[in-house]
């Protein structure tokens, strides 16, 4: 794990970095497992075709299909031990993803900005967007994640 932070990198230099696209398969069994894990009865998710409609937060599982080449932060010198997950948002463009479909996901760094913190030094906020497109290339959904990286370990 890197011990340096992105604090020495200008925010503008990080914006626009993208990882390689990767497939996200929406599988019946995985949707049912996810539903149980978050306390839902998979039968309650049945759509009009009888197949379960994945919960909105199911797209968080896309990370299970991705690797370092798909992460726009790979090689950016980010110290993951100092990154906090600040916020997560899902935006759907029309329909929800469907069981049986394979989406193509691509993650990119949308914005980076800094604020002064009291205990952790400079705080670098970043928004990473993962776009999910169907086989026709139509944007189906976006996952927007806000990370907060501290420039030094927080003190008590």
C-alpha atoms as a PDB file:
ATOM      1  CA  UNK A   1       0.000   0.000   0.000  1.00  0.00           C
ATOM      2  CA  UNK A   2       1.245   3.465  -0.857  1.00  0.00           C
ATOM      3  CA  UNK A   3       2.146   5.685   2.086  1.00  0.00           C
ATOM      4  CA  UNK A   4       2.136   8.895   0.073  1.00  0.00           C
ATOM      5  CA  UNK A   5      -1.001  10.916  -0.553  1.00  0.00           C
ATOM      6  CA  UNK A   6      -2.300  12.656  -3.622  1.00  0.00           C
ATOM      7  CA  UNK A   7      -1.798  15.934  -1.723  1.00  0.00           C
ATOM      8  CA  UNK A   8       1.237  16.778  -3.881  1.00  0.00           C
ATOM      9  CA  UNK A   9      -0.763  16.282  -7.070  1.00  0.00           C
ATOM     10  CA  UNK A  10      -2.726  19.233  -8.413  1.00  0.00           C
ATOM     11  CA  UNK A  11      -6.473  18.456  -8.312  1.00  0.00           C
ATOM     12  CA  UNK A  12      -6.887  19.401 -11.981  1.00  0.00           C
ATOM     13  CA  UNK A  13      -4.332  16.735 -12.963  1.00  0.00           C
ATOM     14  CA  UNK A  14      -6.567  14.018 -11.472  1.00  0.00           C
ATOM     15  CA  UNK A  15      -9.875  15.103 -13.013  1.00  0.00           C
ATOM     16  CA  UNK A  16     -10.822  13.046 -16.050  1.00  0.00           C
ATOM     17  CA  UNK A  17      -8.662  10.011 -15.216  1.00  0.00           C
ATOM     18  CA  UNK A  18     -10.614   6.886 -16.135  1.00  0.00           C
ATOM     19  CA  UNK A  19     -10.204   3.186 -15.575  1.00  0.00           C
ATOM     20  CA  UNK A  20     -10.668   0.556 -18.266  1.00  0.00           C
ATOM     21  CA  UNK A  21     -14.285  -0.529 -18.903  1.00  0.00           C
ATOM     22  CA  UNK A  22     -15.399  -3.796 -17.296  1.00  0.00           C
ATOM     23  CA  UNK A  23     -18.485  -6.034 -17.542  1.00  0.00           C
ATOM     24  CA  UNK A  24     -21.073  -6.184 -14.750  1.00  0.00           C
ATOM     25  CA  UNK A  25     -23.364  -9.203 -15.063  1.00  0.00           C
ATOM     26  CA  UNK A  26     -26.755  -8.855 -13.394  1.00  0.00           C
ATOM     27  CA  UNK A  27     -27.378 -12.436 -12.238  1.00  0.00           C
ATOM     28  CA  UNK A  28     -30.570 -13.765 -10.623  1.00  0.00           C
ATOM     29  CA  UNK A  29     -28.728 -15.573  -7.818  1.00  0.00           C
ATOM     30  CA  UNK A  30     -26.501 -12.601  -6.994  1.00  0.00           C
ATOM     31  CA  UNK A  31     -29.493 -10.265  -6.803  1.00  0.00           C
ATOM     32  CA  UNK A  32     -31.209 -12.718  -4.421  1.00  0.00           C
ATOM     33  CA  UNK A  33     -28.047 -12.988  -2.269  1.00  0.00           C
ATOM     34  CA  UNK A  34     -27.740  -9.211  -2.140  1.00  0.00           C
ATOM     35  CA  UNK A  35     -31.407  -8.863  -1.161  1.00  0.00           C
ATOM     36  CA  UNK A  36     -30.959 -11.299   1.728  1.00  0.00           C
ATOM     37  CA  UNK A  37     -27.764  -9.538   2.831  1.00  0.00           C
ATOM     38  CA  UNK A  38     -29.619  -6.228   3.188  1.00  0.00           C
ATOM     39  CA  UNK A  39     -32.634  -7.803   4.903  1.00  0.00           C
ATOM     40  CA  UNK A  40     -35.025  -8.098   1.954  1.00  0.00           C
ATOM     41  CA  UNK A  41     -37.052 -11.094   0.831  1.00  0.00           C
ATOM     42  CA  UNK A  42     -35.973 -11.778  -2.779  1.00  0.00           C
ATOM     43  CA  UNK A  43     -39.609 -12.593  -3.663  1.00  0.00           C
ATOM     44  CA  UNK A  44     -40.524  -8.962  -2.896  1.00  0.00           C
ATOM     45  CA  UNK A  45     -38.239  -7.826  -5.719  1.00  0.00           C
ATOM     46  CA  UNK A  46     -40.126  -9.671  -8.477  1.00  0.00           C
ATOM     47  CA  UNK A  47     -40.839  -7.503 -11.494  1.00  0.00           C
ATOM     48  CA  UNK A  48     -43.678  -7.915 -13.985  1.00  0.00           C
ATOM     49  CA  UNK A  49     -41.686 -10.628 -15.792  1.00  0.00           C
ATOM     50  CA  UNK A  50     -41.155 -12.586 -12.564  1.00  0.00           C
ATOM     51  CA  UNK A  51     -37.433 -11.837 -12.462  1.00  0.00           C
ATOM     52  CA  UNK A  52     -36.185  -9.808  -9.513  1.00  0.00           C
ATOM     53  CA  UNK A  53     -35.539  -6.118 -10.048  1.00  0.00           C
ATOM     54  CA  UNK A  54     -32.172  -5.371  -8.442  1.00  0.00           C
ATOM     55  CA  UNK A  55     -32.325  -2.923  -5.514  1.00  0.00           C
ATOM     56  CA  UNK A  56     -30.839   0.485  -6.355  1.00  0.00           C
ATOM     57  CA  UNK A  57     -27.817  -0.182  -4.175  1.00  0.00           C
ATOM     58  CA  UNK A  58     -27.035  -3.468  -5.982  1.00  0.00           C
ATOM     59  CA  UNK A  59     -24.673  -1.564  -8.274  1.00  0.00           C
ATOM     60  CA  UNK A  60     -22.227  -1.283  -5.354  1.00  0.00           C
ATOM     61  CA  UNK A  61     -21.351  -4.906  -6.130  1.00  0.00           C
ATOM     62  CA  UNK A  62     -19.723  -3.777  -9.403  1.00  0.00           C
ATOM     63  CA  UNK A  63     -16.465  -3.504  -7.457  1.00  0.00           C
ATOM     64  CA  UNK A  64     -16.480  -7.314  -7.251  1.00  0.00           C
ATOM     65  CA  UNK A  65     -15.977  -7.443 -11.033  1.00  0.00           C
ATOM     66  CA  UNK A  66     -13.337  -4.733 -11.212  1.00  0.00           C
ATOM     67  CA  UNK A  67      -9.586  -4.785 -10.701  1.00  0.00           C
ATOM     68  CA  UNK A  68      -6.738  -2.266 -10.538  1.00  0.00           C
ATOM     69  CA  UNK A  69      -6.915  -1.521 -14.285  1.00  0.00           C
ATOM     70  CA  UNK A  70     -10.558  -0.454 -13.872  1.00  0.00           C
ATOM     71  CA  UNK A  71      -9.846   1.959 -11.003  1.00  0.00           C
ATOM     72  CA  UNK A  72      -9.059   5.544 -12.072  1.00  0.00           C
ATOM     73  CA  UNK A  73      -7.082   5.994  -8.841  1.00  0.00           C
ATOM     74  CA  UNK A  74      -4.558   3.248  -9.700  1.00  0.00           C
ATOM     75  CA  UNK A  75      -1.148   4.874  -9.982  1.00  0.00           C
ATOM     76  CA  UNK A  76      -2.364   8.216  -8.599  1.00  0.00           C
ATOM     77  CA  UNK A  77      -0.449   7.795  -5.324  1.00  0.00           C
ATOM     78  CA  UNK A  78      -3.602   7.781  -3.202  1.00  0.00           C
ATOM     79  CA  UNK A  79      -3.065   6.533   0.342  1.00  0.00           C
ATOM     80  CA  UNK A  80      -6.146   4.351   0.766  1.00  0.00           C
ATOM     81  CA  UNK A  81      -5.510   4.035   4.509  1.00  0.00           C
ATOM     82  CA  UNK A  82      -6.392   7.736   4.775  1.00  0.00           C
ATOM     83  CA  UNK A  83      -9.491   7.709   2.576  1.00  0.00           C
ATOM     84  CA  UNK A  84     -12.949   7.887   4.107  1.00  0.00           C
ATOM     85  CA  UNK A  85     -16.145   7.092   2.229  1.00  0.00           C
ATOM     86  CA  UNK A  86     -18.130  10.315   2.464  1.00  0.00           C
ATOM     87  CA  UNK A  87     -21.192   9.804   0.298  1.00  0.00           C
ATOM     88  CA  UNK A  88     -22.787   7.470  -2.243  1.00  0.00           C
ATOM     89  CA  UNK A  89     -25.470   8.352  -4.772  1.00  0.00           C
ATOM     90  CA  UNK A  90     -27.153   6.366  -7.533  1.00  0.00           C
ATOM     91  CA  UNK A  91     -28.746   8.022 -10.566  1.00  0.00           C
ATOM     92  CA  UNK A  92     -30.942   5.975 -12.898  1.00  0.00           C
ATOM     93  CA  UNK A  93     -31.648   7.141 -16.434  1.00  0.00           C
ATOM     94  CA  UNK A  94     -35.043   5.664 -17.260  1.00  0.00           C
ATOM     95  CA  UNK A  95     -35.248   1.984 -16.478  1.00  0.00           C
ATOM     96  CA  UNK A  96     -33.495  -0.083 -13.817  1.00  0.00           C
ATOM     97  CA  UNK A  97     -30.883  -2.711 -14.716  1.00  0.00           C
ATOM     98  CA  UNK A  98     -32.459  -6.115 -15.417  1.00  0.00           C
ATOM     99  CA  UNK A  99     -31.512  -9.639 -14.435  1.00  0.00           C
ATOM    100  CA  UNK A 100     -29.806 -11.366 -17.354  1.00  0.00           C
ATOM    101  CA  UNK A 101     -28.210  -8.252 -18.768  1.00  0.00           C
ATOM    102  CA  UNK A 102     -24.529  -7.410 -18.825  1.00  0.00           C
ATOM    103  CA  UNK A 103     -23.695  -3.759 -18.346  1.00  0.00           C
ATOM    104  CA  UNK A 104     -20.386  -2.142 -19.177  1.00  0.00           C
ATOM    105  CA  UNK A 105     -19.051  -0.021 -16.327  1.00  0.00           C
ATOM    106  CA  UNK A 106     -16.436   2.717 -16.576  1.00  0.00           C
ATOM    107  CA  UNK A 107     -15.172   4.740 -13.593  1.00  0.00           C
ATOM    108  CA  UNK A 108     -13.699   8.224 -13.849  1.00  0.00           C
ATOM    109  CA  UNK A 109     -12.633  10.981 -11.493  1.00  0.00           C
ATOM    110  CA  UNK A 110     -15.153  13.791 -11.931  1.00  0.00           C
ATOM    111  CA  UNK A 111     -13.923  16.401  -9.460  1.00  0.00           C
ATOM    112  CA  UNK A 112     -11.301  17.016  -6.796  1.00  0.00           C
ATOM    113  CA  UNK A 113     -11.165  19.895  -4.318  1.00  0.00           C
ATOM    114  CA  UNK A 114      -9.485  20.625  -0.982  1.00  0.00           C
ATOM    115  CA  UNK A 115     -10.531  22.057   2.371  1.00  0.00           C
ATOM    116  CA  UNK A 116      -8.548  22.664   5.539  1.00  0.00           C
ATOM    117  CA  UNK A 117      -9.230  20.259   8.357  1.00  0.00           C
ATOM    118  CA  UNK A 118      -8.351  20.660  12.029  1.00  0.00           C
ATOM    119  CA  UNK A 119      -7.132  17.175  12.925  1.00  0.00           C
ATOM    120  CA  UNK A 120      -6.255  15.526   9.613  1.00  0.00           C
ATOM    121  CA  UNK A 121      -4.589  18.459   7.870  1.00  0.00           C
ATOM    122  CA  UNK A 122      -5.739  19.211   4.347  1.00  0.00           C
ATOM    123  CA  UNK A 123      -8.801  17.236   3.304  1.00  0.00           C
ATOM    124  CA  UNK A 124      -8.992  16.295  -0.352  1.00  0.00           C
ATOM    125  CA  UNK A 125     -12.534  15.555  -1.514  1.00  0.00           C
ATOM    126  CA  UNK A 126     -13.056  13.644  -4.734  1.00  0.00           C
ATOM    127  CA  UNK A 127     -16.077  12.479  -6.669  1.00  0.00           C
ATOM    128  CA  UNK A 128     -15.656   9.282  -8.669  1.00  0.00           C
ATOM    129  CA  UNK A 129     -18.437   8.435 -11.122  1.00  0.00           C
ATOM    130  CA  UNK A 130     -19.050   4.943 -12.479  1.00  0.00           C
ATOM    131  CA  UNK A 131     -21.260   4.853 -15.574  1.00  0.00           C
ATOM    132  CA  UNK A 132     -23.222   1.694 -16.415  1.00  0.00           C
ATOM    133  CA  UNK A 133     -24.201   1.243 -20.076  1.00  0.00           C
ATOM    134  CA  UNK A 134     -26.297  -1.466 -21.695  1.00  0.00           C
ATOM    135  CA  UNK A 135     -25.372  -3.498 -24.789  1.00  0.00           C
ATOM    136  CA  UNK A 136     -26.581  -0.662 -27.059  1.00  0.00           C
ATOM    137  CA  UNK A 137     -24.314   1.809 -25.257  1.00  0.00           C
ATOM    138  CA  UNK A 138     -27.215   3.608 -23.575  1.00  0.00           C
ATOM    139  CA  UNK A 139     -26.472   5.081 -20.161  1.00  0.00           C
ATOM    140  CA  UNK A 140     -28.599   3.117 -17.674  1.00  0.00           C
ATOM    141  CA  UNK A 141     -27.226   4.292 -14.327  1.00  0.00           C
ATOM    142  CA  UNK A 142     -24.446   6.150 -12.567  1.00  0.00           C
ATOM    143  CA  UNK A 143     -22.903   5.543  -9.156  1.00  0.00           C
ATOM    144  CA  UNK A 144     -21.348   8.669  -7.637  1.00  0.00           C
ATOM    145  CA  UNK A 145     -18.975   8.176  -4.726  1.00  0.00           C
ATOM    146  CA  UNK A 146     -17.375  10.917  -2.645  1.00  0.00           C
ATOM    147  CA  UNK A 147     -14.054  10.071  -1.014  1.00  0.00           C
ATOM    148  CA  UNK A 148     -12.223  12.177   1.565  1.00  0.00           C
ATOM    149  CA  UNK A 149      -8.446  11.781   1.855  1.00  0.00           C
ATOM    150  CA  UNK A 150      -6.601  13.288   4.814  1.00  0.00           C
ATOM    151  CA  UNK A 151      -3.068  14.603   4.283  1.00  0.00           C
ATOM    152  CA  UNK A 152      -1.958  13.168   7.631  1.00  0.00           C
ATOM    153  CA  UNK A 153      -3.270  10.845  10.298  1.00  0.00           C
ATOM    154  CA  UNK A 154      -5.942  12.470  12.453  1.00  0.00           C
ATOM    155  CA  UNK A 155      -4.842  13.324  15.984  1.00  0.00           C
ATOM    156  CA  UNK A 156      -6.957  12.802  19.093  1.00  0.00           C
END
